[in-house]
Amino acid sequence: MHAGSIPLETPIPRGDTHITAITLRKPSAGELRGIALSDLLRMETGAVMTVLPRITDPALTPPEVSKMDPADLMACAMEISSFLLPKSLLPADSSDAATTATTSAVPAG
């Protein structure tokens, strides 16, 4: 399952430590319950803040999410919106492009 690691501009305090990076995993359909997918694609703040506690590692609490730096919230919103797009709409990374070019250059038969 796809996951994205996000280094935080502003660490999130938790007890005697600080969370300096979080990993977001691709949500399942059940984790999106109660959220309009269009709101997530538009990176609507409330929708992003609702989903984050469901898909972060370490698991963030709603109060921790509400105190996030706006730049960090935006980075999370961008990652979440990329999870919702079909692979055909995502830009191909260089390894995929190299594989495609190699495969298409091999003569058939």
PDB file of N, CA and C in Angstrom:
ATOM      1  N   MET A   1       0.852  -1.186   0.000  1.00  0.00           N
ATOM      2  CA  MET A   1       0.000   0.000   0.000  1.00  0.00           C
ATOM      3  C   MET A   1       0.888   1.236   0.000  1.00  0.00           C
ATOM      4  N   HIS A   2       0.520   2.221  -0.765  1.00  0.00           N
ATOM      5  CA  HIS A   2       1.298   3.444  -0.939  1.00  0.00           C
ATOM      6  C   HIS A   2       1.352   4.242   0.361  1.00  0.00           C
ATOM      7  N   ALA A   3       2.527   4.747   0.687  1.00  0.00           N
ATOM      8  CA  ALA A   3       2.684   5.606   1.867  1.00  0.00           C
ATOM      9  C   ALA A   3       3.678   6.706   1.523  1.00  0.00           C
ATOM     10  N   GLY A   4       3.484   7.863   2.143  1.00  0.00           N
ATOM     11  CA  GLY A   4       4.379   8.979   1.905  1.00  0.00           C
ATOM     12  C   GLY A   4       4.880   9.559   3.215  1.00  0.00           C
ATOM     13  N   SER A   5       6.183   9.777   3.314  1.00  0.00           N
ATOM     14  CA  SER A   5       6.783  10.357   4.512  1.00  0.00           C
ATOM     15  C   SER A   5       6.917  11.861   4.317  1.00  0.00           C
ATOM     16  N   ILE A   6       6.537  12.596   5.355  1.00  0.00           N
ATOM     17  CA  ILE A   6       6.556  14.053   5.287  1.00  0.00           C
ATOM     18  C   ILE A   6       7.372  14.602   6.457  1.00  0.00           C
ATOM     19  N   PRO A   7       8.524  15.238   6.162  1.00  0.00           N
ATOM     20  CA  PRO A   7       9.258  15.917   7.232  1.00  0.00           C
ATOM     21  C   PRO A   7       8.491  17.185   7.611  1.00  0.00           C
ATOM     22  N   LEU A   8       8.348  17.436   8.881  1.00  0.00           N
ATOM     23  CA  LEU A   8       7.551  18.578   9.331  1.00  0.00           C
ATOM     24  C   LEU A   8       8.407  19.836   9.453  1.00  0.00           C
ATOM     25  N   GLU A   9       7.883  20.955   8.953  1.00  0.00           N
ATOM     26  CA  GLU A   9       8.542  22.253   9.095  1.00  0.00           C
ATOM     27  C   GLU A   9       8.599  22.643  10.568  1.00  0.00           C
ATOM     28  N   THR A  10       7.491  22.385  11.261  1.00  0.00           N
ATOM     29  CA  THR A  10       7.390  22.692  12.687  1.00  0.00           C
ATOM     30  C   THR A  10       7.065  21.406  13.424  1.00  0.00           C
ATOM     31  N   PRO A  11       8.013  20.885  14.220  1.00  0.00           N
ATOM     32  CA  PRO A  11       7.750  19.647  14.956  1.00  0.00           C
ATOM     33  C   PRO A  11       6.521  19.776  15.861  1.00  0.00           C
ATOM     34  N   ILE A  12       5.837  18.652  16.032  1.00  0.00           N
ATOM     35  CA  ILE A  12       4.643  18.610  16.877  1.00  0.00           C
ATOM     36  C   ILE A  12       5.059  18.104  18.258  1.00  0.00           C
ATOM     37  N   PRO A  13       4.841  18.915  19.304  1.00  0.00           N
ATOM     38  CA  PRO A  13       5.216  18.461  20.644  1.00  0.00           C
ATOM     39  C   PRO A  13       4.295  17.349  21.132  1.00  0.00           C
ATOM     40  N   ARG A  14       4.900  16.335  21.760  1.00  0.00           N
ATOM     41  CA  ARG A  14       4.142  15.245  22.370  1.00  0.00           C
ATOM     42  C   ARG A  14       4.913  14.823  23.613  1.00  0.00           C
ATOM     43  N   GLY A  15       4.375  15.204  24.749  1.00  0.00           N
ATOM     44  CA  GLY A  15       5.068  14.898  26.001  1.00  0.00           C
ATOM     45  C   GLY A  15       6.431  15.550  26.030  1.00  0.00           C
ATOM     46  N   ASP A  16       7.448  14.742  26.314  1.00  0.00           N
ATOM     47  CA  ASP A  16       8.818  15.247  26.384  1.00  0.00           C
ATOM     48  C   ASP A  16       9.541  15.185  25.044  1.00  0.00           C
ATOM     49  N   THR A  17       8.845  14.738  23.999  1.00  0.00           N
ATOM     50  CA  THR A  17       9.481  14.599  22.687  1.00  0.00           C
ATOM     51  C   THR A  17       8.790  15.492  21.664  1.00  0.00           C
ATOM     52  N   HIS A  18       9.310  15.474  20.457  1.00  0.00           N
ATOM     53  CA  HIS A  18       8.718  16.208  19.340  1.00  0.00           C
ATOM     54  C   HIS A  18       8.656  15.276  18.130  1.00  0.00           C
ATOM     55  N   ILE A  19       7.540  15.294  17.438  1.00  0.00           N
ATOM     56  CA  ILE A  19       7.380  14.525  16.207  1.00  0.00           C
ATOM     57  C   ILE A  19       7.915  15.407  15.078  1.00  0.00           C
ATOM     58  N   THR A  20       8.953  14.930  14.397  1.00  0.00           N
ATOM     59  CA  THR A  20       9.607  15.725  13.360  1.00  0.00           C
ATOM     60  C   THR A  20       9.231  15.283  11.938  1.00  0.00           C
ATOM     61  N   ALA A  21       8.601  14.120  11.832  1.00  0.00           N
ATOM     62  CA  ALA A  21       8.153  13.618  10.534  1.00  0.00           C
ATOM     63  C   ALA A  21       6.988  12.673  10.758  1.00  0.00           C
ATOM     64  N   ILE A  22       6.100  12.611   9.780  1.00  0.00           N
ATOM     65  CA  ILE A  22       4.988  11.670   9.851  1.00  0.00           C
ATOM     66  C   ILE A  22       4.915  10.918   8.525  1.00  0.00           C
ATOM     67  N   THR A  23       4.343   9.742   8.590  1.00  0.00           N
ATOM     68  CA  THR A  23       4.104   8.957   7.389  1.00  0.00           C
ATOM     69  C   THR A  23       2.605   8.867   7.192  1.00  0.00           C
ATOM     70  N   LEU A  24       2.170   9.150   5.976  1.00  0.00           N
ATOM     71  CA  LEU A  24       0.766   9.013   5.627  1.00  0.00           C
ATOM     72  C   LEU A  24       0.622   7.764   4.784  1.00  0.00           C
ATOM     73  N   ARG A  25      -0.360   6.943   5.112  1.00  0.00           N
ATOM     74  CA  ARG A  25      -0.636   5.783   4.277  1.00  0.00           C
ATOM     75  C   ARG A  25      -1.933   6.012   3.527  1.00  0.00           C
ATOM     76  N   LYS A  26      -2.030   5.373   2.384  1.00  0.00           N
ATOM     77  CA  LYS A  26      -3.219   5.515   1.556  1.00  0.00           C
ATOM     78  C   LYS A  26      -4.431   5.024   2.347  1.00  0.00           C
ATOM     79  N   PRO A  27      -5.470   5.863   2.462  1.00  0.00           N
ATOM     80  CA  PRO A  27      -6.641   5.457   3.246  1.00  0.00           C
ATOM     81  C   PRO A  27      -7.477   4.404   2.524  1.00  0.00           C
ATOM     82  N   SER A  28      -8.121   3.574   3.326  1.00  0.00           N
ATOM     83  CA  SER A  28      -9.096   2.633   2.772  1.00  0.00           C
ATOM     84  C   SER A  28     -10.425   3.373   2.637  1.00  0.00           C
ATOM     85  N   ALA A  29     -11.364   2.776   1.949  1.00  0.00           N
ATOM     86  CA  ALA A  29     -12.671   3.407   1.767  1.00  0.00           C
ATOM     87  C   ALA A  29     -13.330   3.695   3.110  1.00  0.00           C
ATOM     88  N   GLY A  30     -13.202   2.792   4.056  1.00  0.00           N
ATOM     89  CA  GLY A  30     -13.815   2.989   5.372  1.00  0.00           C
ATOM     90  C   GLY A  30     -13.240   4.180   6.117  1.00  0.00           C
ATOM     91  N   GLU A  31     -11.965   4.450   5.918  1.00  0.00           N
ATOM     92  CA  GLU A  31     -11.327   5.588   6.580  1.00  0.00           C
ATOM     93  C   GLU A  31     -11.747   6.916   5.972  1.00  0.00           C
ATOM     94  N   LEU A  32     -12.396   6.852   4.831  1.00  0.00           N
ATOM     95  CA  LEU A  32     -12.888   8.068   4.174  1.00  0.00           C
ATOM     96  C   LEU A  32     -14.362   8.307   4.463  1.00  0.00           C
ATOM     97  N   ARG A  33     -14.966   7.444   5.265  1.00  0.00           N
ATOM     98  CA  ARG A  33     -16.390   7.572   5.596  1.00  0.00           C
ATOM     99  C   ARG A  33     -16.664   8.948   6.190  1.00  0.00           C
ATOM    100  N   GLY A  34     -17.734   9.564   5.715  1.00  0.00           N
ATOM    101  CA  GLY A  34     -18.135  10.870   6.227  1.00  0.00           C
ATOM    102  C   GLY A  34     -17.412  12.043   5.586  1.00  0.00           C
ATOM    103  N   ILE A  35     -16.540  11.762   4.630  1.00  0.00           N
ATOM    104  CA  ILE A  35     -15.755  12.810   3.965  1.00  0.00           C
ATOM    105  C   ILE A  35     -16.127  12.820   2.482  1.00  0.00           C
ATOM    106  N   ALA A  36     -16.375  13.981   1.934  1.00  0.00           N
ATOM    107  CA  ALA A  36     -16.599  14.095   0.494  1.00  0.00           C
ATOM    108  C   ALA A  36     -15.242  14.027  -0.203  1.00  0.00           C
ATOM    109  N   LEU A  37     -15.095  13.095  -1.134  1.00  0.00           N
ATOM    110  CA  LEU A  37     -13.824  12.966  -1.844  1.00  0.00           C
ATOM    111  C   LEU A  37     -13.453  14.257  -2.558  1.00  0.00           C
ATOM    112  N   SER A  38     -14.458  14.961  -3.049  1.00  0.00           N
ATOM    113  CA  SER A  38     -14.180  16.235  -3.719  1.00  0.00           C
ATOM    114  C   SER A  38     -13.552  17.239  -2.755  1.00  0.00           C
ATOM    115  N   ASP A  39     -13.934  17.193  -1.469  1.00  0.00           N
ATOM    116  CA  ASP A  39     -13.319  18.084  -0.483  1.00  0.00           C
ATOM    117  C   ASP A  39     -11.841  17.755  -0.292  1.00  0.00           C
ATOM    118  N   LEU A  40     -11.516  16.463  -0.309  1.00  0.00           N
ATOM    119  CA  LEU A  40     -10.106  16.079  -0.173  1.00  0.00           C
ATOM    120  C   LEU A  40      -9.316  16.471  -1.415  1.00  0.00           C
ATOM    121  N   LEU A  41      -9.893  16.283  -2.582  1.00  0.00           N
ATOM    122  CA  LEU A  41      -9.199  16.666  -3.815  1.00  0.00           C
ATOM    123  C   LEU A  41      -8.969  18.170  -3.881  1.00  0.00           C
ATOM    124  N   ARG A  42      -9.903  18.948  -3.305  1.00  0.00           N
ATOM    125  CA  ARG A  42      -9.748  20.412  -3.266  1.00  0.00           C
ATOM    126  C   ARG A  42      -8.899  20.834  -2.073  1.00  0.00           C
ATOM    127  N   MET A  43      -8.426  19.861  -1.312  1.00  0.00           N
ATOM    128  CA  MET A  43      -7.588  20.086  -0.130  1.00  0.00           C
ATOM    129  C   MET A  43      -8.285  20.980   0.889  1.00  0.00           C
ATOM    130  N   GLU A  44      -9.582  20.762   1.078  1.00  0.00           N
ATOM    131  CA  GLU A  44     -10.380  21.518   2.042  1.00  0.00           C
ATOM    132  C   GLU A  44      -9.875  21.191   3.449  1.00  0.00           C
ATOM    133  N   THR A  45      -9.583  22.216   4.211  1.00  0.00           N
ATOM    134  CA  THR A  45      -8.927  22.073   5.500  1.00  0.00           C
ATOM    135  C   THR A  45      -9.655  21.108   6.441  1.00  0.00           C
ATOM    136  N   GLY A  46     -10.952  21.275   6.597  1.00  0.00           N
ATOM    137  CA  GLY A  46     -11.703  20.419   7.519  1.00  0.00           C
ATOM    138  C   GLY A  46     -11.644  18.951   7.137  1.00  0.00           C
ATOM    139  N   ALA A  47     -11.741  18.659   5.856  1.00  0.00           N
ATOM    140  CA  ALA A  47     -11.685  17.267   5.392  1.00  0.00           C
ATOM    141  C   ALA A  47     -10.303  16.672   5.647  1.00  0.00           C
ATOM    142  N   VAL A  48      -9.263  17.432   5.354  1.00  0.00           N
ATOM    143  CA  VAL A  48      -7.895  16.961   5.583  1.00  0.00           C
ATOM    144  C   VAL A  48      -7.664  16.719   7.072  1.00  0.00           C
ATOM    145  N   MET A  49      -8.120  17.647   7.908  1.00  0.00           N
ATOM    146  CA  MET A  49      -7.933  17.509   9.355  1.00  0.00           C
ATOM    147  C   MET A  49      -8.703  16.308   9.921  1.00  0.00           C
ATOM    148  N   THR A  50      -9.818  15.954   9.297  1.00  0.00           N
ATOM    149  CA  THR A  50     -10.592  14.796   9.746  1.00  0.00           C
ATOM    150  C   THR A  50      -9.897  13.492   9.380  1.00  0.00           C
ATOM    151  N   VAL A  51      -9.309  13.436   8.197  1.00  0.00           N
ATOM    152  CA  VAL A  51      -8.688  12.199   7.717  1.00  0.00           C
ATOM    153  C   VAL A  51      -7.316  11.954   8.343  1.00  0.00           C
ATOM    154  N   LEU A  52      -6.556  12.994   8.608  1.00  0.00           N
ATOM    155  CA  LEU A  52      -5.180  12.811   9.090  1.00  0.00           C
ATOM    156  C   LEU A  52      -5.058  11.886  10.306  1.00  0.00           C
ATOM    157  N   PRO A  53      -5.846  12.037  11.359  1.00  0.00           N
ATOM    158  CA  PRO A  53      -5.675  11.125  12.494  1.00  0.00           C
ATOM    159  C   PRO A  53      -5.919   9.655  12.133  1.00  0.00           C
ATOM    160  N   ARG A  54      -6.603   9.404  11.061  1.00  0.00           N
ATOM    161  CA  ARG A  54      -6.920   8.037  10.642  1.00  0.00           C
ATOM    162  C   ARG A  54      -5.788   7.377   9.857  1.00  0.00           C
ATOM    163  N   ILE A  55      -4.857   8.178   9.312  1.00  0.00           N
ATOM    164  CA  ILE A  55      -3.868   7.613   8.380  1.00  0.00           C
ATOM    165  C   ILE A  55      -2.423   7.995   8.693  1.00  0.00           C
ATOM    166  N   THR A  56      -2.148   8.583   9.837  1.00  0.00           N
ATOM    167  CA  THR A  56      -0.784   9.015  10.148  1.00  0.00           C
ATOM    168  C   THR A  56      -0.052   8.003  11.021  1.00  0.00           C
ATOM    169  N   ASP A  57       1.244   7.964  10.859  1.00  0.00           N
ATOM    170  CA  ASP A  57       2.127   7.180  11.725  1.00  0.00           C
ATOM    171  C   ASP A  57       3.316   8.067  12.057  1.00  0.00           C
ATOM    172  N   PRO A  58       3.523   8.410  13.302  1.00  0.00           N
ATOM    173  CA  PRO A  58       2.702   8.037  14.446  1.00  0.00           C
ATOM    174  C   PRO A  58       1.305   8.654  14.343  1.00  0.00           C
ATOM    175  N   ALA A  59       0.339   7.984  14.946  1.00  0.00           N
ATOM    176  CA  ALA A  59      -1.049   8.448  14.885  1.00  0.00           C
ATOM    177  C   ALA A  59      -1.177   9.792  15.589  1.00  0.00           C
ATOM    178  N   LEU A  60      -1.576  10.808  14.833  1.00  0.00           N
ATOM    179  CA  LEU A  60      -1.788  12.132  15.419  1.00  0.00           C
ATOM    180  C   LEU A  60      -3.199  12.214  15.986  1.00  0.00           C
ATOM    181  N   THR A  61      -3.348  12.972  17.041  1.00  0.00           N
ATOM    182  CA  THR A  61      -4.662  13.200  17.625  1.00  0.00           C
ATOM    183  C   THR A  61      -5.295  14.417  16.945  1.00  0.00           C
ATOM    184  N   PRO A  62      -6.623  14.535  16.988  1.00  0.00           N
ATOM    185  CA  PRO A  62      -7.257  15.741  16.414  1.00  0.00           C
ATOM    186  C   PRO A  62      -6.697  17.048  16.979  1.00  0.00           C
ATOM    187  N   PRO A  63      -6.446  17.154  18.312  1.00  0.00           N
ATOM    188  CA  PRO A  63      -5.853  18.405  18.805  1.00  0.00           C
ATOM    189  C   PRO A  63      -4.450  18.673  18.239  1.00  0.00           C
ATOM    190  N   GLU A  64      -3.659  17.613  18.023  1.00  0.00           N
ATOM    191  CA  GLU A  64      -2.330  17.807  17.430  1.00  0.00           C
ATOM    192  C   GLU A  64      -2.461  18.293  15.981  1.00  0.00           C
ATOM    193  N   VAL A  65      -3.404  17.726  15.246  1.00  0.00           N
ATOM    194  CA  VAL A  65      -3.620  18.142  13.863  1.00  0.00           C
ATOM    195  C   VAL A  65      -4.064  19.598  13.810  1.00  0.00           C
ATOM    196  N   SER A  66      -4.923  20.006  14.728  1.00  0.00           N
ATOM    197  CA  SER A  66      -5.436  21.379  14.702  1.00  0.00           C
ATOM    198  C   SER A  66      -4.347  22.410  15.015  1.00  0.00           C
ATOM    199  N   LYS A  67      -3.252  21.989  15.612  1.00  0.00           N
ATOM    200  CA  LYS A  67      -2.153  22.905  15.929  1.00  0.00           C
ATOM    201  C   LYS A  67      -1.004  22.828  14.920  1.00  0.00           C
ATOM    202  N   MET A  68      -1.198  22.065  13.848  1.00  0.00           N
ATOM    203  CA  MET A  68      -0.129  21.910  12.853  1.00  0.00           C
ATOM    204  C   MET A  68       0.187  23.224  12.150  1.00  0.00           C
ATOM    205  N   ASP A  69       1.434  23.355  11.751  1.00  0.00           N
ATOM    206  CA  ASP A  69       1.868  24.470  10.918  1.00  0.00           C
ATOM    207  C   ASP A  69       1.103  24.384   9.596  1.00  0.00           C
ATOM    208  N   PRO A  70       0.592  25.506   9.077  1.00  0.00           N
ATOM    209  CA  PRO A  70      -0.144  25.465   7.804  1.00  0.00           C
ATOM    210  C   PRO A  70       0.667  24.860   6.646  1.00  0.00           C
ATOM    211  N   ALA A  71       1.971  25.074   6.631  1.00  0.00           N
ATOM    212  CA  ALA A  71       2.804  24.488   5.569  1.00  0.00           C
ATOM    213  C   ALA A  71       2.806  22.962   5.675  1.00  0.00           C
ATOM    214  N   ASP A  72       2.829  22.445   6.889  1.00  0.00           N
ATOM    215  CA  ASP A  72       2.791  21.002   7.093  1.00  0.00           C
ATOM    216  C   ASP A  72       1.420  20.434   6.716  1.00  0.00           C
ATOM    217  N   LEU A  73       0.367  21.158   7.058  1.00  0.00           N
ATOM    218  CA  LEU A  73      -0.983  20.726   6.692  1.00  0.00           C
ATOM    219  C   LEU A  73      -1.124  20.692   5.170  1.00  0.00           C
ATOM    220  N   MET A  74      -0.555  21.666   4.483  1.00  0.00           N
ATOM    221  CA  MET A  74      -0.606  21.700   3.023  1.00  0.00           C
ATOM    222  C   MET A  74       0.152  20.520   2.422  1.00  0.00           C
ATOM    223  N   ALA A  75       1.317  20.202   2.973  1.00  0.00           N
ATOM    224  CA  ALA A  75       2.086  19.053   2.477  1.00  0.00           C
ATOM    225  C   ALA A  75       1.277  17.763   2.640  1.00  0.00           C
ATOM    226  N   CYS A  76       0.589  17.630   3.765  1.00  0.00           N
ATOM    227  CA  CYS A  76      -0.263  16.458   4.000  1.00  0.00           C
ATOM    228  C   CYS A  76      -1.434  16.440   3.021  1.00  0.00           C
ATOM    229  N   ALA A  77      -2.042  17.585   2.788  1.00  0.00           N
ATOM    230  CA  ALA A  77      -3.179  17.673   1.871  1.00  0.00           C
ATOM    231  C   ALA A  77      -2.764  17.270   0.461  1.00  0.00           C
ATOM    232  N   MET A  78      -1.590  17.692   0.036  1.00  0.00           N
ATOM    233  CA  MET A  78      -1.105  17.332  -1.298  1.00  0.00           C
ATOM    234  C   MET A  78      -0.888  15.826  -1.405  1.00  0.00           C
ATOM    235  N   GLU A  79      -0.333  15.235  -0.371  1.00  0.00           N
ATOM    236  CA  GLU A  79      -0.102  13.785  -0.371  1.00  0.00           C
ATOM    237  C   GLU A  79      -1.428  13.031  -0.390  1.00  0.00           C
ATOM    238  N   ILE A  80      -2.386  13.471   0.420  1.00  0.00           N
ATOM    239  CA  ILE A  80      -3.701  12.819   0.461  1.00  0.00           C
ATOM    240  C   ILE A  80      -4.375  12.912  -0.894  1.00  0.00           C
ATOM    241  N   SER A  81      -4.347  14.079  -1.521  1.00  0.00           N
ATOM    242  CA  SER A  81      -5.009  14.216  -2.813  1.00  0.00           C
ATOM    243  C   SER A  81      -4.361  13.302  -3.857  1.00  0.00           C
ATOM    244  N   SER A  82      -3.050  13.083  -3.762  1.00  0.00           N
ATOM    245  CA  SER A  82      -2.393  12.181  -4.722  1.00  0.00           C
ATOM    246  C   SER A  82      -2.838  10.735  -4.511  1.00  0.00           C
ATOM    247  N   PHE A  83      -3.190  10.363  -3.273  1.00  0.00           N
ATOM    248  CA  PHE A  83      -3.678   9.009  -3.003  1.00  0.00           C
ATOM    249  C   PHE A  83      -4.993   8.732  -3.730  1.00  0.00           C
ATOM    250  N   LEU A  84      -5.778   9.762  -3.981  1.00  0.00           N
ATOM    251  CA  LEU A  84      -7.115   9.592  -4.532  1.00  0.00           C
ATOM    252  C   LEU A  84      -7.150   9.516  -6.055  1.00  0.00           C
ATOM    253  N   LEU A  85      -6.059   9.882  -6.693  1.00  0.00           N
ATOM    254  CA  LEU A  85      -6.024   9.901  -8.152  1.00  0.00           C
ATOM    255  C   LEU A  85      -5.650   8.529  -8.702  1.00  0.00           C
ATOM    256  N   PRO A  86      -6.290   8.116  -9.800  1.00  0.00           N
ATOM    257  CA  PRO A  86      -5.881   6.866 -10.435  1.00  0.00           C
ATOM    258  C   PRO A  86      -4.461   6.992 -10.984  1.00  0.00           C
ATOM    259  N   LYS A  87      -3.761   5.870 -11.078  1.00  0.00           N
ATOM    260  CA  LYS A  87      -2.378   5.890 -11.563  1.00  0.00           C
ATOM    261  C   LYS A  87      -2.262   6.540 -12.934  1.00  0.00           C
ATOM    262  N   SER A  88      -3.282   6.395 -13.764  1.00  0.00           N
ATOM    263  CA  SER A  88      -3.224   6.962 -15.108  1.00  0.00           C
ATOM    264  C   SER A  88      -3.168   8.485 -15.104  1.00  0.00           C
ATOM    265  N   LEU A  89      -3.577   9.131 -14.009  1.00  0.00           N
ATOM    266  CA  LEU A  89      -3.535  10.595 -13.929  1.00  0.00           C
ATOM    267  C   LEU A  89      -2.308  11.121 -13.205  1.00  0.00           C
ATOM    268  N   LEU A  90      -1.528  10.218 -12.602  1.00  0.00           N
ATOM    269  CA  LEU A  90      -0.325  10.644 -11.890  1.00  0.00           C
ATOM    270  C   LEU A  90       0.848  10.712 -12.855  1.00  0.00           C
ATOM    271  N   PRO A  91       1.767  11.672 -12.647  1.00  0.00           N
ATOM    272  CA  PRO A  91       2.944  11.718 -13.509  1.00  0.00           C
ATOM    273  C   PRO A  91       3.783  10.466 -13.285  1.00  0.00           C
ATOM    274  N   ALA A  92       4.312   9.901 -14.368  1.00  0.00           N
ATOM    275  CA  ALA A  92       5.153   8.713 -14.258  1.00  0.00           C
ATOM    276  C   ALA A  92       6.490   9.112 -13.658  1.00  0.00           C
ATOM    277  N   ASP A  93       6.987   8.286 -12.726  1.00  0.00           N
ATOM    278  CA  ASP A  93       8.319   8.588 -12.199  1.00  0.00           C
ATOM    279  C   ASP A  93       9.354   8.051 -13.178  1.00  0.00           C
ATOM    280  N   SER A  94      10.585   8.402 -12.976  1.00  0.00           N
ATOM    281  CA  SER A  94      11.630   8.090 -13.946  1.00  0.00           C
ATOM    282  C   SER A  94      11.818   6.588 -14.131  1.00  0.00           C
ATOM    283  N   SER A  95      11.639   5.776 -13.069  1.00  0.00           N
ATOM    284  CA  SER A  95      11.816   4.333 -13.225  1.00  0.00           C
ATOM    285  C   SER A  95      10.712   3.747 -14.088  1.00  0.00           C
ATOM    286  N   ASP A  96       9.472   4.242 -13.952  1.00  0.00           N
ATOM    287  CA  ASP A  96       8.381   3.774 -14.794  1.00  0.00           C
ATOM    288  C   ASP A  96       8.621   4.173 -16.240  1.00  0.00           C
ATOM    289  N   ALA A  97       9.107   5.383 -16.464  1.00  0.00           N
ATOM    290  CA  ALA A  97       9.352   5.865 -17.808  1.00  0.00           C
ATOM    291  C   ALA A  97      10.456   5.030 -18.462  1.00  0.00           C
ATOM    292  N   ALA A  98      11.488   4.690 -17.702  1.00  0.00           N
ATOM    293  CA  ALA A  98      12.592   3.886 -18.236  1.00  0.00           C
ATOM    294  C   ALA A  98      12.099   2.487 -18.603  1.00  0.00           C
ATOM    295  N   THR A  99      11.271   1.908 -17.760  1.00  0.00           N
ATOM    296  CA  THR A  99      10.719   0.582 -18.039  1.00  0.00           C
ATOM    297  C   THR A  99       9.866   0.609 -19.287  1.00  0.00           C
ATOM    298  N   THR A 100       9.025   1.630 -19.429  1.00  0.00           N
ATOM    299  CA  THR A 100       8.149   1.767 -20.594  1.00  0.00           C
ATOM    300  C   THR A 100       8.995   1.925 -21.863  1.00  0.00           C
ATOM    301  N   ALA A 101      10.030   2.757 -21.798  1.00  0.00           N
ATOM    302  CA  ALA A 101      10.873   2.996 -22.969  1.00  0.00           C
ATOM    303  C   ALA A 101      11.598   1.719 -23.361  1.00  0.00           C
ATOM    304  N   THR A 102      12.104   0.945 -22.407  1.00  0.00           N
ATOM    305  CA  THR A 102      12.801  -0.290 -22.680  1.00  0.00           C
ATOM    306  C   THR A 102      11.849  -1.309 -23.275  1.00  0.00           C
ATOM    307  N   THR A 103      10.675  -1.428 -22.704  1.00  0.00           N
ATOM    308  CA  THR A 103       9.697  -2.395 -23.173  1.00  0.00           C
ATOM    309  C   THR A 103       9.242  -2.077 -24.590  1.00  0.00           C
ATOM    310  N   SER A 104       9.006  -0.813 -24.893  1.00  0.00           N
ATOM    311  CA  SER A 104       8.527  -0.447 -26.215  1.00  0.00           C
ATOM    312  C   SER A 104       9.620  -0.534 -27.277  1.00  0.00           C
ATOM    313  N   ALA A 105      10.901  -0.538 -26.867  1.00  0.00           N
ATOM    314  CA  ALA A 105      12.002  -0.600 -27.822  1.00  0.00           C
ATOM    315  C   ALA A 105      12.327  -2.035 -28.228  1.00  0.00           C
ATOM    316  N   VAL A 106      11.823  -3.015 -27.484  1.00  0.00           N
ATOM    317  CA  VAL A 106      12.089  -4.417 -27.783  1.00  0.00           C
ATOM    318  C   VAL A 106      11.183  -4.853 -28.936  1.00  0.00           C
ATOM    319  N   PRO A 107      11.768  -5.375 -30.031  1.00  0.00           N
ATOM    320  CA  PRO A 107      10.939  -5.793 -31.152  1.00  0.00           C
ATOM    321  C   PRO A 107      10.073  -7.004 -30.792  1.00  0.00           C
ATOM    322  N   ALA A 108       8.859  -7.002 -31.310  1.00  0.00           N
ATOM    323  CA  ALA A 108       7.928  -8.099 -31.060  1.00  0.00           C
ATOM    324  C   ALA A 108       8.287  -9.271 -31.940  1.00  0.00           C
ATOM    325  N   GLY A 109       8.187 -10.485 -31.369  1.00  0.00           N
ATOM    326  CA  GLY A 109       8.221 -11.718 -32.083  1.00  0.00           C
ATOM    327  C   GLY A 109       9.524 -12.187 -32.487  1.00  0.00           C
TER     328      GLY A 109
END
